[in-house]
């Protein structure tokens, strides 16, 4: 499948809302032009609507594009609302948290110190 098992595929999130009327061609253009990533790379692109109830995942599997959609019947996806950057890269673990509805974006940030005192 998309290289997530082996860790080959990179996972990109498009912050902010995306028009969910877009299908494969429209989302591939967003990945290429707005996110600055080649949609033919080994990557999974994630998009969410303004209400944060619909998530679409786009990837190229060497023979064609695949488009998956998940719609929540209750609750909302945790999603970065501020489009500070054109894209955000996440790892496989965070993808699992995202699909489970856990908001890792609101978690405490990791602190790093070099010495005490």
N, C-alpha and C. Protein backbone atom coordinates (compact mmCIF):
# COMPACT_ATOMS: atom_id res chain seq x y z
N UNK A 1 0.84 -1.18 0.00
CA UNK A 1 0.00 0.00 0.00
C UNK A 1 0.89 1.24 0.00
N UNK A 2 0.54 2.32 0.48
CA UNK A 2 1.16 3.62 0.27
C UNK A 2 2.53 3.83 0.90
N UNK A 3 3.18 2.77 1.35
CA UNK A 3 4.51 2.92 1.93
C UNK A 3 4.50 3.28 3.39
N UNK A 4 3.32 3.30 4.01
CA UNK A 4 3.25 3.64 5.43
C UNK A 4 3.80 2.50 6.29
N UNK A 5 3.67 1.26 5.80
CA UNK A 5 4.15 0.12 6.56
C UNK A 5 5.67 0.15 6.70
N UNK A 6 6.35 0.55 5.65
CA UNK A 6 7.81 0.55 5.65
C UNK A 6 8.38 1.90 6.06
N UNK A 7 7.54 2.90 6.19
CA UNK A 7 8.01 4.23 6.57
C UNK A 7 8.53 5.03 5.39
N UNK A 8 8.32 4.54 4.16
CA UNK A 8 8.79 5.25 2.98
C UNK A 8 8.03 6.54 2.73
N UNK A 9 6.72 6.46 2.86
CA UNK A 9 5.87 7.60 2.49
C UNK A 9 5.93 8.69 3.56
N UNK A 10 6.00 9.92 3.09
CA UNK A 10 5.89 11.08 3.98
C UNK A 10 4.41 11.45 4.05
N UNK A 11 4.01 12.06 5.17
CA UNK A 11 2.61 12.41 5.39
C UNK A 11 2.52 13.92 5.58
N UNK A 12 1.75 14.56 4.70
CA UNK A 12 1.60 16.01 4.73
C UNK A 12 0.16 16.40 5.03
N UNK A 13 0.00 17.36 5.92
CA UNK A 13 -1.30 17.91 6.28
C UNK A 13 -1.41 19.30 5.69
N UNK A 14 -2.53 19.61 5.08
CA UNK A 14 -2.80 20.96 4.58
C UNK A 14 -3.57 21.70 5.66
N UNK A 15 -2.92 22.61 6.41
CA UNK A 15 -3.62 23.33 7.48
C UNK A 15 -4.78 24.16 6.93
N UNK A 16 -5.74 24.43 7.80
CA UNK A 16 -6.89 25.23 7.41
C UNK A 16 -7.86 24.42 6.59
N UNK A 17 -8.96 25.03 6.20
CA UNK A 17 -9.99 24.30 5.45
C UNK A 17 -9.64 24.16 3.97
N UNK A 18 -10.09 23.05 3.41
CA UNK A 18 -9.96 22.79 1.98
C UNK A 18 -11.35 22.53 1.43
N UNK A 19 -11.60 22.99 0.23
CA UNK A 19 -12.88 22.78 -0.43
C UNK A 19 -13.03 21.29 -0.75
N UNK A 20 -13.95 20.62 -0.09
CA UNK A 20 -14.11 19.18 -0.27
C UNK A 20 -14.84 18.81 -1.56
N UNK A 21 -15.23 19.80 -2.34
CA UNK A 21 -15.77 19.49 -3.67
C UNK A 21 -14.64 19.07 -4.60
N UNK A 22 -13.41 19.38 -4.22
CA UNK A 22 -12.26 18.98 -5.04
C UNK A 22 -12.10 17.47 -4.99
N UNK A 23 -11.77 16.93 -6.13
CA UNK A 23 -11.51 15.50 -6.24
C UNK A 23 -10.02 15.30 -6.51
N UNK A 24 -9.65 14.23 -7.15
CA UNK A 24 -8.24 13.88 -7.34
C UNK A 24 -7.46 14.99 -8.02
N UNK A 25 -7.91 15.46 -9.16
CA UNK A 25 -7.14 16.47 -9.90
C UNK A 25 -6.99 17.76 -9.11
N UNK A 26 -8.07 18.23 -8.51
CA UNK A 26 -8.02 19.48 -7.75
C UNK A 26 -7.12 19.37 -6.53
N UNK A 27 -7.18 18.25 -5.81
CA UNK A 27 -6.34 18.07 -4.63
C UNK A 27 -4.87 17.87 -5.02
N UNK A 28 -4.63 17.23 -6.16
CA UNK A 28 -3.25 17.08 -6.63
C UNK A 28 -2.65 18.45 -6.96
N UNK A 29 -3.46 19.34 -7.51
CA UNK A 29 -3.00 20.71 -7.79
C UNK A 29 -2.69 21.44 -6.49
N UNK A 30 -3.53 21.27 -5.48
CA UNK A 30 -3.28 21.89 -4.17
C UNK A 30 -1.96 21.36 -3.59
N UNK A 31 -1.75 20.05 -3.69
CA UNK A 31 -0.51 19.45 -3.17
C UNK A 31 0.70 20.04 -3.88
N UNK A 32 0.61 20.18 -5.18
CA UNK A 32 1.75 20.67 -5.96
C UNK A 32 1.96 22.17 -5.82
N UNK A 33 0.91 22.95 -6.02
CA UNK A 33 1.08 24.40 -6.07
C UNK A 33 1.03 25.06 -4.70
N UNK A 34 0.07 24.71 -3.88
CA UNK A 34 -0.08 25.38 -2.58
C UNK A 34 0.85 24.78 -1.52
N UNK A 35 1.03 23.45 -1.57
CA UNK A 35 1.85 22.80 -0.56
C UNK A 35 3.31 22.67 -0.99
N UNK A 36 3.58 22.80 -2.28
CA UNK A 36 4.94 22.74 -2.78
C UNK A 36 5.56 21.36 -2.77
N UNK A 37 4.74 20.32 -2.91
CA UNK A 37 5.24 18.94 -2.92
C UNK A 37 4.77 18.27 -4.21
N UNK A 38 5.64 17.48 -4.81
CA UNK A 38 5.27 16.75 -6.02
C UNK A 38 4.25 15.68 -5.65
N UNK A 39 3.04 15.72 -6.21
CA UNK A 39 2.02 14.73 -5.85
C UNK A 39 2.38 13.31 -6.30
N UNK A 40 3.39 13.15 -7.16
CA UNK A 40 3.82 11.84 -7.61
C UNK A 40 4.90 11.24 -6.70
N UNK A 41 5.32 11.99 -5.68
CA UNK A 41 6.26 11.45 -4.71
C UNK A 41 5.57 10.42 -3.84
N UNK A 42 6.36 9.67 -3.10
CA UNK A 42 5.81 8.71 -2.15
C UNK A 42 5.32 9.48 -0.93
N UNK A 43 4.09 9.98 -1.03
CA UNK A 43 3.55 10.84 0.04
C UNK A 43 2.05 10.67 0.15
N UNK A 44 1.55 10.90 1.34
CA UNK A 44 0.12 10.91 1.63
C UNK A 44 -0.25 12.34 1.97
N UNK A 45 -1.24 12.89 1.28
CA UNK A 45 -1.67 14.26 1.49
C UNK A 45 -3.03 14.25 2.18
N UNK A 46 -3.14 14.99 3.27
CA UNK A 46 -4.38 15.03 4.04
C UNK A 46 -5.01 16.41 3.97
N UNK A 47 -6.33 16.43 3.75
CA UNK A 47 -7.10 17.66 3.63
C UNK A 47 -8.35 17.53 4.48
N UNK A 48 -8.83 18.65 5.02
CA UNK A 48 -10.02 18.62 5.86
C UNK A 48 -10.92 19.81 5.50
N UNK A 49 -12.22 19.64 5.66
CA UNK A 49 -13.15 20.73 5.34
C UNK A 49 -13.23 21.72 6.50
N UNK A 50 -13.94 22.81 6.29
CA UNK A 50 -14.04 23.87 7.29
C UNK A 50 -14.73 23.45 8.57
N UNK A 51 -15.68 22.54 8.48
CA UNK A 51 -16.37 22.05 9.68
C UNK A 51 -15.57 20.97 10.41
N UNK A 52 -14.51 20.51 9.79
CA UNK A 52 -13.62 19.47 10.33
C UNK A 52 -14.34 18.13 10.54
N UNK A 53 -15.29 17.85 9.68
CA UNK A 53 -16.01 16.57 9.74
C UNK A 53 -15.62 15.63 8.61
N UNK A 54 -15.01 16.16 7.55
CA UNK A 54 -14.62 15.35 6.40
C UNK A 54 -13.12 15.47 6.20
N UNK A 55 -12.48 14.32 6.06
CA UNK A 55 -11.05 14.27 5.80
C UNK A 55 -10.84 13.49 4.51
N UNK A 56 -10.00 14.01 3.63
CA UNK A 56 -9.64 13.29 2.41
C UNK A 56 -8.14 13.05 2.41
N UNK A 57 -7.77 11.86 1.93
CA UNK A 57 -6.36 11.47 1.81
C UNK A 57 -6.09 11.13 0.36
N UNK A 58 -5.05 11.71 -0.18
CA UNK A 58 -4.67 11.51 -1.58
C UNK A 58 -3.26 10.95 -1.64
N UNK A 59 -3.05 9.94 -2.46
CA UNK A 59 -1.69 9.44 -2.68
C UNK A 59 -1.58 8.81 -4.06
N UNK A 60 -0.35 8.75 -4.55
CA UNK A 60 -0.01 8.15 -5.83
C UNK A 60 0.58 6.79 -5.53
N UNK A 61 0.04 5.72 -6.12
CA UNK A 61 0.56 4.38 -5.83
C UNK A 61 1.33 3.76 -6.99
N UNK A 62 1.93 4.56 -7.83
CA UNK A 62 2.75 4.17 -8.98
C UNK A 62 1.95 3.77 -10.21
N UNK A 63 0.65 3.55 -10.06
CA UNK A 63 -0.19 3.24 -11.23
C UNK A 63 -1.35 4.21 -11.37
N UNK A 64 -1.56 5.04 -10.36
CA UNK A 64 -2.65 6.01 -10.40
C UNK A 64 -2.85 6.62 -9.03
N UNK A 65 -3.68 7.65 -8.99
CA UNK A 65 -3.99 8.30 -7.73
C UNK A 65 -5.09 7.54 -7.00
N UNK A 66 -5.01 7.56 -5.68
CA UNK A 66 -6.05 7.00 -4.82
C UNK A 66 -6.57 8.13 -3.94
N UNK A 67 -7.86 8.13 -3.72
CA UNK A 67 -8.49 9.15 -2.88
C UNK A 67 -9.38 8.45 -1.87
N UNK A 68 -9.08 8.65 -0.61
CA UNK A 68 -9.90 8.11 0.47
C UNK A 68 -10.59 9.25 1.18
N UNK A 69 -11.77 8.95 1.70
CA UNK A 69 -12.50 9.97 2.44
C UNK A 69 -13.05 9.34 3.71
N UNK A 70 -12.99 10.10 4.80
CA UNK A 70 -13.61 9.68 6.05
C UNK A 70 -14.50 10.81 6.52
N UNK A 71 -15.74 10.48 6.86
CA UNK A 71 -16.68 11.47 7.37
C UNK A 71 -17.07 11.08 8.79
N UNK A 72 -16.92 12.00 9.71
CA UNK A 72 -17.32 11.75 11.08
C UNK A 72 -18.79 12.08 11.25
N UNK A 73 -19.51 11.18 11.87
CA UNK A 73 -20.93 11.41 12.12
C UNK A 73 -21.13 12.20 13.40
N UNK A 74 -20.16 12.15 14.30
CA UNK A 74 -20.22 12.86 15.56
C UNK A 74 -18.81 13.35 15.86
N UNK A 75 -18.70 14.50 16.44
CA UNK A 75 -17.41 15.11 16.80
C UNK A 75 -16.72 15.68 15.57
N UNK A 76 -15.48 16.12 15.76
CA UNK A 76 -14.71 16.75 14.69
C UNK A 76 -13.27 16.27 14.72
N UNK A 77 -12.62 16.35 13.56
CA UNK A 77 -11.20 16.02 13.51
C UNK A 77 -10.40 17.14 14.16
N UNK A 78 -9.37 16.79 14.92
CA UNK A 78 -8.44 17.84 15.36
C UNK A 78 -7.68 18.28 14.11
N UNK A 79 -7.59 19.57 13.90
CA UNK A 79 -6.97 20.04 12.65
C UNK A 79 -6.34 21.39 12.90
N UNK A 80 -5.14 21.62 12.37
CA UNK A 80 -4.53 22.95 12.53
C UNK A 80 -5.33 23.99 11.76
N UNK A 81 -5.89 24.94 12.46
CA UNK A 81 -6.76 25.94 11.85
C UNK A 81 -5.97 27.05 11.18
N UNK A 82 -4.84 27.41 11.76
CA UNK A 82 -4.03 28.50 11.23
C UNK A 82 -3.12 27.97 10.13
N UNK A 83 -3.23 28.57 9.00
CA UNK A 83 -2.38 28.18 7.88
C UNK A 83 -1.09 29.02 7.92
N UNK A 84 -0.31 28.85 8.99
CA UNK A 84 0.96 29.57 9.12
C UNK A 84 1.92 29.14 8.01
N UNK A 85 1.86 27.86 7.69
CA UNK A 85 2.69 27.32 6.63
C UNK A 85 1.79 26.62 5.63
N UNK A 86 2.32 26.38 4.44
CA UNK A 86 1.53 25.75 3.39
C UNK A 86 1.27 24.28 3.69
N UNK A 87 2.12 23.69 4.51
CA UNK A 87 1.96 22.28 4.84
C UNK A 87 2.61 21.98 6.18
N UNK A 88 2.21 20.87 6.76
CA UNK A 88 2.84 20.39 7.98
C UNK A 88 3.07 18.90 7.79
N UNK A 89 4.27 18.45 8.11
CA UNK A 89 4.57 17.04 7.97
C UNK A 89 4.38 16.35 9.31
N UNK A 90 3.72 15.21 9.29
CA UNK A 90 3.51 14.43 10.50
C UNK A 90 4.05 13.02 10.28
N UNK A 91 4.19 12.26 11.35
CA UNK A 91 4.67 10.88 11.24
C UNK A 91 3.50 9.91 11.32
N UNK A 92 3.81 8.62 11.18
CA UNK A 92 2.77 7.59 11.19
C UNK A 92 2.00 7.56 12.51
N UNK A 93 2.71 7.76 13.61
CA UNK A 93 2.07 7.75 14.92
C UNK A 93 1.03 8.87 15.02
N UNK A 94 1.40 10.05 14.57
CA UNK A 94 0.46 11.18 14.61
C UNK A 94 -0.70 10.98 13.65
N UNK A 95 -0.47 10.30 12.55
CA UNK A 95 -1.57 9.98 11.64
C UNK A 95 -2.60 9.12 12.36
N UNK A 96 -2.14 8.13 13.10
CA UNK A 96 -3.05 7.29 13.87
C UNK A 96 -3.82 8.09 14.91
N UNK A 97 -3.13 9.01 15.60
CA UNK A 97 -3.79 9.86 16.58
C UNK A 97 -4.83 10.75 15.92
N UNK A 98 -4.48 11.32 14.78
CA UNK A 98 -5.39 12.19 14.05
C UNK A 98 -6.66 11.45 13.65
N UNK A 99 -6.51 10.25 13.09
CA UNK A 99 -7.67 9.48 12.67
C UNK A 99 -8.50 9.00 13.85
N UNK A 100 -7.86 8.88 15.02
CA UNK A 100 -8.59 8.49 16.24
C UNK A 100 -9.24 9.69 16.93
N UNK A 101 -8.97 10.90 16.44
CA UNK A 101 -9.58 12.09 17.00
C UNK A 101 -8.82 12.71 18.15
N UNK A 102 -7.57 12.31 18.34
CA UNK A 102 -6.76 12.85 19.43
C UNK A 102 -6.00 14.07 18.94
N UNK A 103 -6.15 15.18 19.64
CA UNK A 103 -5.57 16.45 19.21
C UNK A 103 -4.14 16.60 19.73
N UNK A 104 -3.18 16.09 18.96
CA UNK A 104 -1.78 16.21 19.36
C UNK A 104 -1.25 17.62 19.13
N UNK A 105 -1.95 18.43 18.33
CA UNK A 105 -1.52 19.81 18.11
C UNK A 105 -1.68 20.64 19.39
N UNK A 106 -2.61 20.25 20.26
CA UNK A 106 -2.84 20.99 21.50
C UNK A 106 -2.03 20.44 22.67
N UNK A 107 -1.24 19.41 22.41
CA UNK A 107 -0.43 18.81 23.49
C UNK A 107 0.70 19.77 23.88
N UNK A 108 1.22 19.57 25.07
CA UNK A 108 2.34 20.39 25.52
C UNK A 108 3.53 20.18 24.59
N UNK A 109 4.20 21.25 24.28
CA UNK A 109 5.37 21.10 23.43
C UNK A 109 6.54 20.57 24.25
N UNK A 110 7.42 19.84 23.58
CA UNK A 110 8.57 19.24 24.23
C UNK A 110 9.55 20.33 24.65
N UNK A 111 10.01 20.27 25.90
CA UNK A 111 10.98 21.23 26.42
C UNK A 111 12.37 20.63 26.34
N UNK A 112 13.33 21.45 26.05
CA UNK A 112 14.70 20.98 25.93
C UNK A 112 15.62 21.94 26.67
N UNK A 113 16.35 21.43 27.65
CA UNK A 113 17.27 22.23 28.44
C UNK A 113 18.68 21.66 28.32
N UNK A 114 19.66 22.51 28.52
CA UNK A 114 21.04 22.04 28.45
C UNK A 114 21.66 21.91 29.84
N UNK A 115 21.17 22.67 30.82
CA UNK A 115 21.69 22.57 32.17
C UNK A 115 20.70 23.14 33.19
N UNK A 116 20.92 22.84 34.45
CA UNK A 116 20.07 23.35 35.53
C UNK A 116 20.77 24.54 36.16
N UNK A 117 20.00 25.57 36.46
CA UNK A 117 20.59 26.69 37.19
C UNK A 117 20.73 27.88 36.45
